Protein backbone atom coordinates (compact mmCIF):
# COMPACT_ATOMS: atom_id res chain seq x y z
CA MET A 1 -46.95 106.21 -60.95
CA ILE A 2 -49.67 103.77 -59.90
CA PHE A 3 -52.25 102.07 -62.09
CA HIS A 4 -55.91 101.13 -61.92
CA ILE A 5 -57.93 98.91 -64.27
CA LEU A 6 -61.55 99.79 -64.97
CA ARG A 7 -64.31 99.41 -67.53
CA ARG A 8 -64.77 102.11 -70.16
CA GLY A 9 -68.26 102.90 -68.85
CA GLU A 10 -66.88 103.47 -65.35
CA TRP A 11 -64.42 106.01 -66.74
CA GLN A 12 -67.19 107.77 -68.68
CA GLU A 13 -69.14 108.03 -65.43
CA ALA A 14 -66.06 109.42 -63.66
CA LEU A 15 -65.72 112.10 -66.34
CA ARG A 16 -69.37 113.03 -65.89
CA ARG A 17 -68.99 113.25 -62.08
CA ASN A 18 -65.48 114.79 -62.19
CA ARG A 19 -64.15 112.08 -59.84
CA TYR A 20 -63.74 108.31 -59.82
CA GLU A 21 -65.48 106.36 -57.06
CA PRO A 22 -65.77 102.62 -57.77
CA PRO A 23 -67.91 100.34 -55.58
CA SER A 24 -64.80 99.11 -53.73
CA LEU A 25 -64.47 102.53 -52.13
CA GLU A 26 -67.75 101.95 -50.30
CA THR A 27 -67.45 98.21 -49.72
CA GLU A 28 -63.75 98.01 -48.80
CA GLY A 29 -62.92 101.62 -47.96
CA PHE A 30 -60.31 102.06 -50.70
CA ILE A 31 -59.59 101.80 -54.43
CA HIS A 32 -57.30 98.96 -55.52
CA CYS A 33 -54.27 100.02 -57.54
CA SER A 34 -51.03 98.40 -58.67
CA THR A 35 -47.49 99.43 -59.38
CA ARG A 36 -46.28 99.05 -62.96
CA GLU A 37 -44.67 95.73 -62.03
CA GLN A 38 -47.89 94.43 -60.46
CA THR A 39 -50.32 95.54 -63.16
CA LEU A 40 -50.10 92.50 -65.46
CA GLY A 41 -50.49 90.06 -62.57
CA THR A 42 -53.55 91.94 -61.38
CA ALA A 43 -55.04 92.13 -64.88
CA ASN A 44 -54.48 88.47 -65.70
CA ARG A 45 -55.73 87.27 -62.32
CA PHE A 46 -58.86 89.40 -61.91
CA PHE A 47 -59.78 90.62 -65.41
CA ARG A 48 -58.70 87.80 -67.74
CA GLY A 49 -60.75 87.76 -70.93
CA GLN A 50 -62.77 90.87 -70.08
CA PRO A 51 -63.26 93.30 -72.95
CA ASP A 52 -63.53 97.08 -73.01
CA LEU A 53 -61.07 97.85 -70.22
CA LEU A 54 -58.93 100.91 -69.66
CA LEU A 55 -55.75 101.38 -67.67
CA LEU A 56 -55.44 104.60 -65.67
CA GLY A 57 -52.01 105.98 -64.90
CA ILE A 58 -52.26 107.95 -61.66
CA GLU A 59 -49.69 110.33 -60.21
CA PRO A 60 -49.87 109.80 -56.42
CA SER A 61 -48.56 113.28 -55.62
CA ARG A 62 -51.61 114.79 -57.37
CA LEU A 63 -54.18 112.75 -55.42
CA THR A 64 -56.30 114.51 -52.84
CA ALA A 65 -56.91 111.16 -51.09
CA ASP A 66 -54.35 109.21 -49.07
CA VAL A 67 -52.39 106.36 -50.68
CA ARG A 68 -51.15 103.50 -48.52
CA LEU A 69 -49.00 100.54 -49.49
CA GLU A 70 -50.66 97.47 -47.97
CA ALA A 71 -50.67 93.69 -48.26
CA PRO A 72 -53.77 92.02 -49.73
CA SER A 73 -56.45 91.28 -47.15
CA ASN A 74 -57.12 87.79 -48.56
CA PRO A 75 -53.74 86.47 -49.71
CA VAL A 76 -53.92 83.28 -51.75
CA ASP A 77 -50.54 83.08 -53.43
CA GLU A 78 -47.02 84.49 -53.60
CA ARG A 79 -48.45 87.99 -54.05
CA ALA A 80 -49.39 87.90 -50.36
CA ARG A 81 -46.02 89.42 -49.49
CA GLU A 82 -46.37 92.26 -51.98
CA LEU A 83 -47.54 95.69 -50.95
CA PHE A 84 -50.18 97.23 -53.21
CA PRO A 85 -51.16 100.89 -53.42
CA HIS A 86 -54.63 101.54 -52.02
CA VAL A 87 -56.29 104.94 -52.49
CA TYR A 88 -58.44 105.90 -49.51
CA GLY A 89 -60.91 108.24 -51.17
CA PRO A 90 -62.18 109.21 -54.60
CA ILE A 91 -59.61 109.68 -57.34
CA ASN A 92 -59.64 113.30 -58.46
CA LEU A 93 -59.27 113.46 -62.23
CA GLU A 94 -56.31 115.86 -62.04
CA ALA A 95 -54.26 112.94 -60.70
CA VAL A 96 -54.95 110.81 -63.79
CA THR A 97 -52.12 111.37 -66.25
CA GLN A 98 -52.83 108.49 -68.64
CA VAL A 99 -55.95 106.76 -69.91
CA LEU A 100 -54.99 103.81 -72.08
CA ASP A 101 -56.98 101.16 -73.91
CA PHE A 102 -56.24 97.84 -72.22
CA PRO A 103 -57.41 95.00 -74.48
CA CYS A 104 -56.69 91.35 -73.86
CA ASP A 105 -55.34 89.07 -76.56
CA ALA A 106 -57.18 86.12 -78.14
CA ASP A 107 -56.27 83.93 -75.14
CA GLY A 108 -57.71 86.48 -72.71
CA LEU A 109 -54.30 87.59 -71.43
CA PHE A 110 -53.14 91.17 -71.06
CA HIS A 111 -49.93 92.89 -72.11
CA LEU A 112 -48.83 96.29 -70.88
CA PRO A 113 -49.50 99.06 -73.38
CA GLU A 114 -46.82 101.61 -74.12
CA LEU A 115 -46.61 103.82 -71.03
CA SER A 116 -45.47 107.39 -71.33
CA SER A 117 -44.38 109.55 -68.43
CA SER A 118 -47.60 111.62 -68.58
CA VAL A 119 -50.23 113.11 -70.86
CA ASP A 120 -49.60 116.70 -69.75
């Protein structure tokens, strides 16, 4: 399972279009994702204090696009040695097995919500 953080409005647009294509797909060529272990670090580094977020649980074997484990292109800390899942194409909605509210606490920090194995 891999995870992706997005705004509620972006997910609503994905439902309307029947696929998820964030701007990073055009600007960087892929969609940033994280493993379960990487998700909190990603959330607290890039989304701290942002309201109205969702966490997508994605089953890689259901994706129609390629997934590659790659190092960050602009490493700035110890995460530079980590490999992150990058999805090279739109995310087909059949691959999304969880859509979870992802609120931050009063200090702007995130905590992982209860993750189930799937929503099937």
